[in-house]
Amino acid sequence: LGCEGFVKKTKEETLEILKRAKEEGI
């Protein structure tokens, strides 16, 4: 993951993406 996609995201949105990324094996 790069971090530019997290710019202006809320805490909840950030957590949602990272949670799914971890589930995918990232």
mmCIF file of all heavy atoms, coordinates in Angstrom:
data_MODEL
# 
_entry.id   MODEL 
# 
loop_
_atom_site.group_PDB 
_atom_site.id 
_atom_site.type_symbol 
_atom_site.label_atom_id 
_atom_site.label_alt_id 
_atom_site.label_comp_id 
_atom_site.label_asym_id 
_atom_site.label_entity_id 
_atom_site.label_seq_id 
_atom_site.pdbx_PDB_ins_code 
_atom_site.Cartn_x 
_atom_site.Cartn_y 
_atom_site.Cartn_z 
_atom_site.occupancy 
_atom_site.B_iso_or_equiv 
_atom_site.pdbx_formal_charge 
_atom_site.auth_seq_id 
_atom_site.auth_comp_id 
_atom_site.auth_asym_id 
_atom_site.auth_atom_id 
_atom_site.pdbx_PDB_model_num 
ATOM 1   N N   . LEU A 1 1  ? 0.827   -1.207  0.000  1.00 0.00 ? 1  LEU A N   1 
ATOM 2   C CA  . LEU A 1 1  ? 0.000   0.000   0.000  1.00 0.00 ? 1  LEU A CA  1 
ATOM 3   C C   . LEU A 1 1  ? 0.860   1.255   0.000  1.00 0.00 ? 1  LEU A C   1 
ATOM 4   O O   . LEU A 1 1  ? 1.826   1.352   0.753  1.00 0.00 ? 1  LEU A O   1 
ATOM 5   C CB  . LEU A 1 1  ? -0.900  0.035   1.243  1.00 0.00 ? 1  LEU A CB  1 
ATOM 6   C CG  . LEU A 1 1  ? -2.027  -0.986  1.348  1.00 0.00 ? 1  LEU A CG  1 
ATOM 7   C CD1 . LEU A 1 1  ? -2.726  -0.825  2.691  1.00 0.00 ? 1  LEU A CD1 1 
ATOM 8   C CD2 . LEU A 1 1  ? -3.022  -0.824  0.208  1.00 0.00 ? 1  LEU A CD2 1 
ATOM 9   N N   . GLY A 1 2  ? 0.495   2.211   -0.849 1.00 0.00 ? 2  GLY A N   1 
ATOM 10  C CA  . GLY A 1 2  ? 1.003   3.558   -0.704 1.00 0.00 ? 2  GLY A CA  1 
ATOM 11  C C   . GLY A 1 2  ? 0.069   4.300   0.242  1.00 0.00 ? 2  GLY A C   1 
ATOM 12  O O   . GLY A 1 2  ? -0.999  3.796   0.588  1.00 0.00 ? 2  GLY A O   1 
ATOM 13  N N   . CYS A 1 3  ? 0.460   5.494   0.669  1.00 0.00 ? 3  CYS A N   1 
ATOM 14  C CA  . CYS A 1 3  ? -0.396  6.169   1.654  1.00 0.00 ? 3  CYS A CA  1 
ATOM 15  C C   . CYS A 1 3  ? -1.216  7.307   1.065  1.00 0.00 ? 3  CYS A C   1 
ATOM 16  O O   . CYS A 1 3  ? -2.078  7.868   1.754  1.00 0.00 ? 3  CYS A O   1 
ATOM 17  C CB  . CYS A 1 3  ? 0.437   6.693   2.826  1.00 0.00 ? 3  CYS A CB  1 
ATOM 18  S SG  . CYS A 1 3  ? 1.591   7.999   2.391  1.00 0.00 ? 3  CYS A SG  1 
ATOM 19  N N   . GLU A 1 4  ? -0.992  7.649   -0.233 1.00 0.00 ? 4  GLU A N   1 
ATOM 20  C CA  . GLU A 1 4  ? -1.714  8.799   -0.778 1.00 0.00 ? 4  GLU A CA  1 
ATOM 21  C C   . GLU A 1 4  ? -3.218  8.570   -0.821 1.00 0.00 ? 4  GLU A C   1 
ATOM 22  O O   . GLU A 1 4  ? -4.003  9.515   -0.779 1.00 0.00 ? 4  GLU A O   1 
ATOM 23  C CB  . GLU A 1 4  ? -1.192  9.179   -2.167 1.00 0.00 ? 4  GLU A CB  1 
ATOM 24  C CG  . GLU A 1 4  ? -1.366  8.133   -3.245 1.00 0.00 ? 4  GLU A CG  1 
ATOM 25  C CD  . GLU A 1 4  ? -0.170  7.217   -3.381 1.00 0.00 ? 4  GLU A CD  1 
ATOM 26  O OE1 . GLU A 1 4  ? 0.515   6.964   -2.371 1.00 0.00 ? 4  GLU A OE1 1 
ATOM 27  O OE2 . GLU A 1 4  ? 0.081   6.746   -4.499 1.00 0.00 ? 4  GLU A OE2 1 
ATOM 28  N N   . GLY A 1 5  ? -3.640  7.300   -0.903 1.00 0.00 ? 5  GLY A N   1 
ATOM 29  C CA  . GLY A 1 5  ? -5.066  7.003   -0.923 1.00 0.00 ? 5  GLY A CA  1 
ATOM 30  C C   . GLY A 1 5  ? -5.766  7.268   0.394  1.00 0.00 ? 5  GLY A C   1 
ATOM 31  O O   . GLY A 1 5  ? -7.006  7.285   0.454  1.00 0.00 ? 5  GLY A O   1 
ATOM 32  N N   . PHE A 1 6  ? -4.986  7.488   1.452  1.00 0.00 ? 6  PHE A N   1 
ATOM 33  C CA  . PHE A 1 6  ? -5.571  7.735   2.769  1.00 0.00 ? 6  PHE A CA  1 
ATOM 34  C C   . PHE A 1 6  ? -5.731  9.224   3.083  1.00 0.00 ? 6  PHE A C   1 
ATOM 35  O O   . PHE A 1 6  ? -6.262  9.577   4.135  1.00 0.00 ? 6  PHE A O   1 
ATOM 36  C CB  . PHE A 1 6  ? -4.715  7.080   3.860  1.00 0.00 ? 6  PHE A CB  1 
ATOM 37  C CG  . PHE A 1 6  ? -4.688  5.583   3.781  1.00 0.00 ? 6  PHE A CG  1 
ATOM 38  C CD1 . PHE A 1 6  ? -3.605  4.923   3.245  1.00 0.00 ? 6  PHE A CD1 1 
ATOM 39  C CD2 . PHE A 1 6  ? -5.765  4.826   4.227  1.00 0.00 ? 6  PHE A CD2 1 
ATOM 40  C CE1 . PHE A 1 6  ? -3.569  3.535   3.162  1.00 0.00 ? 6  PHE A CE1 1 
ATOM 41  C CE2 . PHE A 1 6  ? -5.749  3.444   4.153  1.00 0.00 ? 6  PHE A CE2 1 
ATOM 42  C CZ  . PHE A 1 6  ? -4.649  2.799   3.613  1.00 0.00 ? 6  PHE A CZ  1 
ATOM 43  N N   . VAL A 1 7  ? -5.263  10.071  2.179  1.00 0.00 ? 7  VAL A N   1 
ATOM 44  C CA  . VAL A 1 7  ? -5.404  11.512  2.388  1.00 0.00 ? 7  VAL A CA  1 
ATOM 45  C C   . VAL A 1 7  ? -6.888  11.876  2.456  1.00 0.00 ? 7  VAL A C   1 
ATOM 46  O O   . VAL A 1 7  ? -7.697  11.424  1.640  1.00 0.00 ? 7  VAL A O   1 
ATOM 47  C CB  . VAL A 1 7  ? -4.713  12.288  1.253  1.00 0.00 ? 7  VAL A CB  1 
ATOM 48  C CG1 . VAL A 1 7  ? -4.978  13.787  1.383  1.00 0.00 ? 7  VAL A CG1 1 
ATOM 49  C CG2 . VAL A 1 7  ? -3.211  12.009  1.242  1.00 0.00 ? 7  VAL A CG2 1 
ATOM 50  N N   . LYS A 1 8  ? -7.265  12.659  3.448  1.00 0.00 ? 8  LYS A N   1 
ATOM 51  C CA  . LYS A 1 8  ? -8.637  13.141  3.669  1.00 0.00 ? 8  LYS A CA  1 
ATOM 52  C C   . LYS A 1 8  ? -9.628  12.026  4.045  1.00 0.00 ? 8  LYS A C   1 
ATOM 53  O O   . LYS A 1 8  ? -10.841 12.258  4.083  1.00 0.00 ? 8  LYS A O   1 
ATOM 54  C CB  . LYS A 1 8  ? -9.143  13.916  2.449  1.00 0.00 ? 8  LYS A CB  1 
ATOM 55  C CG  . LYS A 1 8  ? -8.342  15.178  2.154  1.00 0.00 ? 8  LYS A CG  1 
ATOM 56  C CD  . LYS A 1 8  ? -8.919  15.957  0.978  1.00 0.00 ? 8  LYS A CD  1 
ATOM 57  C CE  . LYS A 1 8  ? -8.108  17.219  0.727  1.00 0.00 ? 8  LYS A CE  1 
ATOM 58  N NZ  . LYS A 1 8  ? -8.623  17.987  -0.427 1.00 0.00 ? 8  LYS A NZ  1 
ATOM 59  N N   . LYS A 1 9  ? -9.130  10.835  4.319  1.00 0.00 ? 9  LYS A N   1 
ATOM 60  C CA  . LYS A 1 9  ? -10.002 9.772   4.782  1.00 0.00 ? 9  LYS A CA  1 
ATOM 61  C C   . LYS A 1 9  ? -10.272 9.945   6.287  1.00 0.00 ? 9  LYS A C   1 
ATOM 62  O O   . LYS A 1 9  ? -9.449  10.486  7.032  1.00 0.00 ? 9  LYS A O   1 
ATOM 63  C CB  . LYS A 1 9  ? -9.355  8.397   4.547  1.00 0.00 ? 9  LYS A CB  1 
ATOM 64  C CG  . LYS A 1 9  ? -9.294  7.981   3.081  1.00 0.00 ? 9  LYS A CG  1 
ATOM 65  C CD  . LYS A 1 9  ? -10.654 7.527   2.594  1.00 0.00 ? 9  LYS A CD  1 
ATOM 66  C CE  . LYS A 1 9  ? -10.592 6.859   1.227  1.00 0.00 ? 9  LYS A CE  1 
ATOM 67  N NZ  . LYS A 1 9  ? -10.258 7.734   0.123  1.00 0.00 ? 9  LYS A NZ  1 
ATOM 68  N N   . THR A 1 10 ? -11.428 9.487   6.732  1.00 0.00 ? 10 THR A N   1 
ATOM 69  C CA  . THR A 1 10 ? -11.722 9.493   8.168  1.00 0.00 ? 10 THR A CA  1 
ATOM 70  C C   . THR A 1 10 ? -10.986 8.324   8.820  1.00 0.00 ? 10 THR A C   1 
ATOM 71  O O   . THR A 1 10 ? -10.445 7.445   8.142  1.00 0.00 ? 10 THR A O   1 
ATOM 72  C CB  . THR A 1 10 ? -13.228 9.324   8.414  1.00 0.00 ? 10 THR A CB  1 
ATOM 73  O OG1 . THR A 1 10 ? -13.628 8.028   7.931  1.00 0.00 ? 10 THR A OG1 1 
ATOM 74  C CG2 . THR A 1 10 ? -14.010 10.409  7.697  1.00 0.00 ? 10 THR A CG2 1 
ATOM 75  N N   . LYS A 1 11 ? -11.008 8.301   10.151 1.00 0.00 ? 11 LYS A N   1 
ATOM 76  C CA  . LYS A 1 11 ? -10.397 7.183   10.863 1.00 0.00 ? 11 LYS A CA  1 
ATOM 77  C C   . LYS A 1 11 ? -11.083 5.876   10.482 1.00 0.00 ? 11 LYS A C   1 
ATOM 78  O O   . LYS A 1 11 ? -10.431 4.843   10.274 1.00 0.00 ? 11 LYS A O   1 
ATOM 79  C CB  . LYS A 1 11 ? -10.503 7.401   12.376 1.00 0.00 ? 11 LYS A CB  1 
ATOM 80  C CG  . LYS A 1 11 ? -9.627  8.525   12.901 1.00 0.00 ? 11 LYS A CG  1 
ATOM 81  C CD  . LYS A 1 11 ? -9.896  8.805   14.379 1.00 0.00 ? 11 LYS A CD  1 
ATOM 82  C CE  . LYS A 1 11 ? -9.553  7.621   15.261 1.00 0.00 ? 11 LYS A CE  1 
ATOM 83  N NZ  . LYS A 1 11 ? -9.724  7.939   16.709 1.00 0.00 ? 11 LYS A NZ  1 
ATOM 84  N N   . GLU A 1 12 ? -12.389 5.923   10.388 1.00 0.00 ? 12 GLU A N   1 
ATOM 85  C CA  . GLU A 1 12 ? -13.155 4.712   10.073 1.00 0.00 ? 12 GLU A CA  1 
ATOM 86  C C   . GLU A 1 12 ? -12.854 4.212   8.663  1.00 0.00 ? 12 GLU A C   1 
ATOM 87  O O   . GLU A 1 12 ? -12.720 3.001   8.434  1.00 0.00 ? 12 GLU A O   1 
ATOM 88  C CB  . GLU A 1 12 ? -14.651 4.978   10.245 1.00 0.00 ? 12 GLU A CB  1 
ATOM 89  C CG  . GLU A 1 12 ? -15.109 5.216   11.682 1.00 0.00 ? 12 GLU A CG  1 
ATOM 90  C CD  . GLU A 1 12 ? -14.663 6.555   12.240 1.00 0.00 ? 12 GLU A CD  1 
ATOM 91  O OE1 . GLU A 1 12 ? -14.423 7.488   11.441 1.00 0.00 ? 12 GLU A OE1 1 
ATOM 92  O OE2 . GLU A 1 12 ? -14.546 6.665   13.484 1.00 0.00 ? 12 GLU A OE2 1 
ATOM 93  N N   . GLU A 1 13 ? -12.747 5.137   7.712  1.00 0.00 ? 13 GLU A N   1 
ATOM 94  C CA  . GLU A 1 13 ? -12.436 4.752   6.327  1.00 0.00 ? 13 GLU A CA  1 
ATOM 95  C C   . GLU A 1 13 ? -11.020 4.181   6.228  1.00 0.00 ? 13 GLU A C   1 
ATOM 96  O O   . GLU A 1 13 ? -10.768 3.212   5.502  1.00 0.00 ? 13 GLU A O   1 
ATOM 97  C CB  . GLU A 1 13 ? -12.585 5.962   5.408  1.00 0.00 ? 13 GLU A CB  1 
ATOM 98  C CG  . GLU A 1 13 ? -14.026 6.402   5.201  1.00 0.00 ? 13 GLU A CG  1 
ATOM 99  C CD  . GLU A 1 13 ? -14.122 7.748   4.511  1.00 0.00 ? 13 GLU A CD  1 
ATOM 100 O OE1 . GLU A 1 13 ? -13.172 8.568   4.618  1.00 0.00 ? 13 GLU A OE1 1 
ATOM 101 O OE2 . GLU A 1 13 ? -15.152 8.003   3.860  1.00 0.00 ? 13 GLU A OE2 1 
ATOM 102 N N   . THR A 1 14 ? -10.104 4.795   6.970  1.00 0.00 ? 14 THR A N   1 
ATOM 103 C CA  . THR A 1 14 ? -8.727  4.304   7.008  1.00 0.00 ? 14 THR A CA  1 
ATOM 104 C C   . THR A 1 14 ? -8.679  2.883   7.549  1.00 0.00 ? 14 THR A C   1 
ATOM 105 O O   . THR A 1 14 ? -8.019  1.999   6.979  1.00 0.00 ? 14 THR A O   1 
ATOM 106 C CB  . THR A 1 14 ? -7.854  5.224   7.875  1.00 0.00 ? 14 THR A CB  1 
ATOM 107 O OG1 . THR A 1 14 ? -7.879  6.562   7.334  1.00 0.00 ? 14 THR A OG1 1 
ATOM 108 C CG2 . THR A 1 14 ? -6.421  4.727   7.950  1.00 0.00 ? 14 THR A CG2 1 
ATOM 109 N N   . LEU A 1 15 ? -9.399  2.664   8.629  1.00 0.00 ? 15 LEU A N   1 
ATOM 110 C CA  . LEU A 1 15 ? -9.437  1.340   9.245  1.00 0.00 ? 15 LEU A CA  1 
ATOM 111 C C   . LEU A 1 15 ? -10.063 0.316   8.302  1.00 0.00 ? 15 LEU A C   1 
ATOM 112 O O   . LEU A 1 15 ? -9.575  -0.823  8.196  1.00 0.00 ? 15 LEU A O   1 
ATOM 113 C CB  . LEU A 1 15 ? -10.227 1.389   10.555 1.00 0.00 ? 15 LEU A CB  1 
ATOM 114 C CG  . LEU A 1 15 ? -10.382 0.057   11.309 1.00 0.00 ? 15 LEU A CG  1 
ATOM 115 C CD1 . LEU A 1 15 ? -9.020  -0.499  11.705 1.00 0.00 ? 15 LEU A CD1 1 
ATOM 116 C CD2 . LEU A 1 15 ? -11.268 0.252   12.546 1.00 0.00 ? 15 LEU A CD2 1 
ATOM 117 N N   . GLU A 1 16 ? -11.110 0.708   7.593  1.00 0.00 ? 16 GLU A N   1 
ATOM 118 C CA  . GLU A 1 16 ? -11.789 -0.218  6.689  1.00 0.00 ? 16 GLU A CA  1 
ATOM 119 C C   . GLU A 1 16 ? -10.842 -0.723  5.600  1.00 0.00 ? 16 GLU A C   1 
ATOM 120 O O   . GLU A 1 16 ? -10.786 -1.930  5.314  1.00 0.00 ? 16 GLU A O   1 
ATOM 121 C CB  . GLU A 1 16 ? -12.993 0.478   6.038  1.00 0.00 ? 16 GLU A CB  1 
ATOM 122 C CG  . GLU A 1 16 ? -13.749 -0.409  5.055  1.00 0.00 ? 16 GLU A CG  1 
ATOM 123 C CD  . GLU A 1 16 ? -14.815 0.353   4.275  1.00 0.00 ? 16 GLU A CD  1 
ATOM 124 O OE1 . GLU A 1 16 ? -14.738 1.603   4.219  1.00 0.00 ? 16 GLU A OE1 1 
ATOM 125 O OE2 . GLU A 1 16 ? -15.712 -0.302  3.724  1.00 0.00 ? 16 GLU A OE2 1 
ATOM 126 N N   . ILE A 1 17 ? -10.080 0.196   4.992  1.00 0.00 ? 17 ILE A N   1 
ATOM 127 C CA  . ILE A 1 17 ? -9.163  -0.198  3.920  1.00 0.00 ? 17 ILE A CA  1 
ATOM 128 C C   . ILE A 1 17 ? -8.041  -1.069  4.467  1.00 0.00 ? 17 ILE A C   1 
ATOM 129 O O   . ILE A 1 17 ? -7.698  -2.114  3.890  1.00 0.00 ? 17 ILE A O   1 
ATOM 130 C CB  . ILE A 1 17 ? -8.597  1.041   3.203  1.00 0.00 ? 17 ILE A CB  1 
ATOM 131 C CG1 . ILE A 1 17 ? -9.716  1.799   2.484  1.00 0.00 ? 17 ILE A CG1 1 
ATOM 132 C CG2 . ILE A 1 17 ? -7.508  0.638   2.207  1.00 0.00 ? 17 ILE A CG2 1 
ATOM 133 C CD1 . ILE A 1 17 ? -9.277  3.124   1.885  1.00 0.00 ? 17 ILE A CD1 1 
ATOM 134 N N   . LEU A 1 18 ? -7.463  -0.662  5.596  1.00 0.00 ? 18 LEU A N   1 
ATOM 135 C CA  . LEU A 1 18 ? -6.354  -1.423  6.156  1.00 0.00 ? 18 LEU A CA  1 
ATOM 136 C C   . LEU A 1 18 ? -6.803  -2.797  6.645  1.00 0.00 ? 18 LEU A C   1 
ATOM 137 O O   . LEU A 1 18 ? -6.070  -3.785  6.513  1.00 0.00 ? 18 LEU A O   1 
ATOM 138 C CB  . LEU A 1 18 ? -5.698  -0.641  7.295  1.00 0.00 ? 18 LEU A CB  1 
ATOM 139 C CG  . LEU A 1 18 ? -4.834  0.549   6.858  1.00 0.00 ? 18 LEU A CG  1 
ATOM 140 C CD1 . LEU A 1 18 ? -4.430  1.392   8.060  1.00 0.00 ? 18 LEU A CD1 1 
ATOM 141 C CD2 . LEU A 1 18 ? -3.590  0.075   6.112  1.00 0.00 ? 18 LEU A CD2 1 
ATOM 142 N N   . LYS A 1 19 ? -7.997  -2.868  7.186  1.00 0.00 ? 19 LYS A N   1 
ATOM 143 C CA  . LYS A 1 19 ? -8.524  -4.155  7.654  1.00 0.00 ? 19 LYS A CA  1 
ATOM 144 C C   . LYS A 1 19 ? -8.672  -5.128  6.486  1.00 0.00 ? 19 LYS A C   1 
ATOM 145 O O   . LYS A 1 19 ? -8.269  -6.295  6.570  1.00 0.00 ? 19 LYS A O   1 
ATOM 146 C CB  . LYS A 1 19 ? -9.870  -3.961  8.357  1.00 0.00 ? 19 LYS A CB  1 
ATOM 147 C CG  . LYS A 1 19 ? -10.502 -5.235  8.913  1.00 0.00 ? 19 LYS A CG  1 
ATOM 148 C CD  . LYS A 1 19 ? -11.783 -4.893  9.679  1.00 0.00 ? 19 LYS A CD  1 
ATOM 149 C CE  . LYS A 1 19 ? -12.400 -6.140  10.306 1.00 0.00 ? 19 LYS A CE  1 
ATOM 150 N NZ  . LYS A 1 19 ? -12.920 -7.071  9.276  1.00 0.00 ? 19 LYS A NZ  1 
ATOM 151 N N   . ARG A 1 20 ? -9.241  -4.624  5.379  1.00 0.00 ? 20 ARG A N   1 
ATOM 152 C CA  . ARG A 1 20 ? -9.425  -5.493  4.227  1.00 0.00 ? 20 ARG A CA  1 
ATOM 153 C C   . ARG A 1 20 ? -8.073  -5.857  3.609  1.00 0.00 ? 20 ARG A C   1 
ATOM 154 O O   . ARG A 1 20 ? -7.870  -6.980  3.136  1.00 0.00 ? 20 ARG A O   1 
ATOM 155 C CB  . ARG A 1 20 ? -10.318 -4.829  3.193  1.00 0.00 ? 20 ARG A CB  1 
ATOM 156 C CG  . ARG A 1 20 ? -10.735 -5.773  2.064  1.00 0.00 ? 20 ARG A CG  1 
ATOM 157 C CD  . ARG A 1 20 ? -11.414 -7.029  2.632  1.00 0.00 ? 20 ARG A CD  1 
ATOM 158 N NE  . ARG A 1 20 ? -11.690 -8.012  1.614  1.00 0.00 ? 20 ARG A NE  1 
ATOM 159 C CZ  . ARG A 1 20 ? -12.842 -8.088  0.938  1.00 0.00 ? 20 ARG A CZ  1 
ATOM 160 N NH1 . ARG A 1 20 ? -13.812 -7.208  1.184  1.00 0.00 ? 20 ARG A NH1 1 
ATOM 161 N NH2 . ARG A 1 20 ? -13.024 -9.020  0.041  1.00 0.00 ? 20 ARG A NH2 1 
ATOM 162 N N   . ALA A 1 21 ? -7.140  -4.903  3.623  1.00 0.00 ? 21 ALA A N   1 
ATOM 163 C CA  . ALA A 1 21 ? -5.796  -5.185  3.102  1.00 0.00 ? 21 ALA A CA  1 
ATOM 164 C C   . ALA A 1 21 ? -5.141  -6.313  3.884  1.00 0.00 ? 21 ALA A C   1 
ATOM 165 O O   . ALA A 1 21 ? -4.542  -7.229  3.299  1.00 0.00 ? 21 ALA A O   1 
ATOM 166 C CB  . ALA A 1 21 ? -4.933  -3.926  3.171  1.00 0.00 ? 21 ALA A CB  1 
ATOM 167 N N   . LYS A 1 22 ? -5.267  -6.265  5.194  1.00 0.00 ? 22 LYS A N   1 
ATOM 168 C CA  . LYS A 1 22 ? -4.690  -7.322  6.027  1.00 0.00 ? 22 LYS A CA  1 
ATOM 169 C C   . LYS A 1 22 ? -5.357  -8.663  5.736  1.00 0.00 ? 22 LYS A C   1 
ATOM 170 O O   . LYS A 1 22 ? -4.690  -9.698  5.660  1.00 0.00 ? 22 LYS A O   1 
ATOM 171 C CB  . LYS A 1 22 ? -4.834  -6.951  7.505  1.00 0.00 ? 22 LYS A CB  1 
ATOM 172 C CG  . LYS A 1 22 ? -4.119  -7.900  8.449  1.00 0.00 ? 22 LYS A CG  1 
ATOM 173 C CD  . LYS A 1 22 ? -4.167  -7.397  9.889  1.00 0.00 ? 22 LYS A CD  1 
ATOM 174 C CE  . LYS A 1 22 ? -3.390  -8.324  10.817 1.00 0.00 ? 22 LYS A CE  1 
ATOM 175 N NZ  . LYS A 1 22 ? -3.413  -7.838  12.224 1.00 0.00 ? 22 LYS A NZ  1 
ATOM 176 N N   . GLU A 1 23 ? -6.672  -8.653  5.552  1.00 0.00 ? 23 GLU A N   1 
ATOM 177 C CA  . GLU A 1 23 ? -7.402  -9.883  5.226  1.00 0.00 ? 23 GLU A CA  1 
ATOM 178 C C   . GLU A 1 23 ? -6.942  -10.469 3.890  1.00 0.00 ? 23 GLU A C   1 
ATOM 179 O O   . GLU A 1 23 ? -6.940  -11.690 3.704  1.00 0.00 ? 23 GLU A O   1 
ATOM 180 C CB  . GLU A 1 23 ? -8.904  -9.612  5.190  1.00 0.00 ? 23 GLU A CB  1 
ATOM 181 C CG  . GLU A 1 23 ? -9.508  -9.299  6.544  1.00 0.00 ? 23 GLU A CG  1 
ATOM 182 C CD  . GLU A 1 23 ? -10.946 -8.792  6.453  1.00 0.00 ? 23 GLU A CD  1 
ATOM 183 O OE1 . GLU A 1 23 ? -11.421 -8.526  5.326  1.00 0.00 ? 23 GLU A OE1 1 
ATOM 184 O OE2 . GLU A 1 23 ? -11.586 -8.639  7.509  1.00 0.00 ? 23 GLU A OE2 1 
ATOM 185 N N   . GLU A 1 24 ? -6.536  -9.568  2.972  1.00 0.00 ? 24 GLU A N   1 
ATOM 186 C CA  . GLU A 1 24 ? -6.069  -10.007 1.653  1.00 0.00 ? 24 GLU A CA  1 
ATOM 187 C C   . GLU A 1 24 ? -4.619  -10.478 1.672  1.00 0.00 ? 24 GLU A C   1 
ATOM 188 O O   . GLU A 1 24 ? -4.106  -10.968 0.662  1.00 0.00 ? 24 GLU A O   1 
ATOM 189 C CB  . GLU A 1 24 ? -6.221  -8.863  0.643  1.00 0.00 ? 24 GLU A CB  1 
ATOM 190 C CG  . GLU A 1 24 ? -7.654  -8.502  0.311  1.00 0.00 ? 24 GLU A CG  1 
ATOM 191 C CD  . GLU A 1 24 ? -8.336  -9.568  -0.538 1.00 0.00 ? 24 GLU A CD  1 
ATOM 192 O OE1 . GLU A 1 24 ? -7.757  -9.968  -1.555 1.00 0.00 ? 24 GLU A OE1 1 
ATOM 193 O OE2 . GLU A 1 24 ? -9.453  -9.991  -0.162 1.00 0.00 ? 24 GLU A OE2 1 
ATOM 194 N N   . GLY A 1 25 ? -3.954  -10.304 2.813  1.00 0.00 ? 25 GLY A N   1 
ATOM 195 C CA  . GLY A 1 25 ? -2.572  -10.757 2.937  1.00 0.00 ? 25 GLY A CA  1 
ATOM 196 C C   . GLY A 1 25 ? -1.524  -9.689  2.738  1.00 0.00 ? 25 GLY A C   1 
ATOM 197 O O   . GLY A 1 25 ? -0.321  -9.973  2.752  1.00 0.00 ? 25 GLY A O   1 
ATOM 198 N N   . ILE A 1 26 ? -1.933  -8.442  2.546  1.00 0.00 ? 26 ILE A N   1 
ATOM 199 C CA  . ILE A 1 26 ? -0.974  -7.344  2.412  1.00 0.00 ? 26 ILE A CA  1 
ATOM 200 C C   . ILE A 1 26 ? -0.301  -7.093  3.763  1.00 0.00 ? 26 ILE A C   1 
ATOM 201 O O   . ILE A 1 26 ? -0.973  -7.032  4.792  1.00 0.00 ? 26 ILE A O   1 
ATOM 202 C CB  . ILE A 1 26 ? -1.676  -6.070  1.909  1.00 0.00 ? 26 ILE A CB  1 
ATOM 203 C CG1 . ILE A 1 26 ? -2.125  -6.267  0.456  1.00 0.00 ? 26 ILE A CG1 1 
ATOM 204 C CG2 . ILE A 1 26 ? -0.770  -4.849  2.027  1.00 0.00 ? 26 ILE A CG2 1 
ATOM 205 C CD1 . ILE A 1 26 ? -2.919  -5.116  -0.120 1.00 0.00 ? 26 ILE A CD1 1 
# 
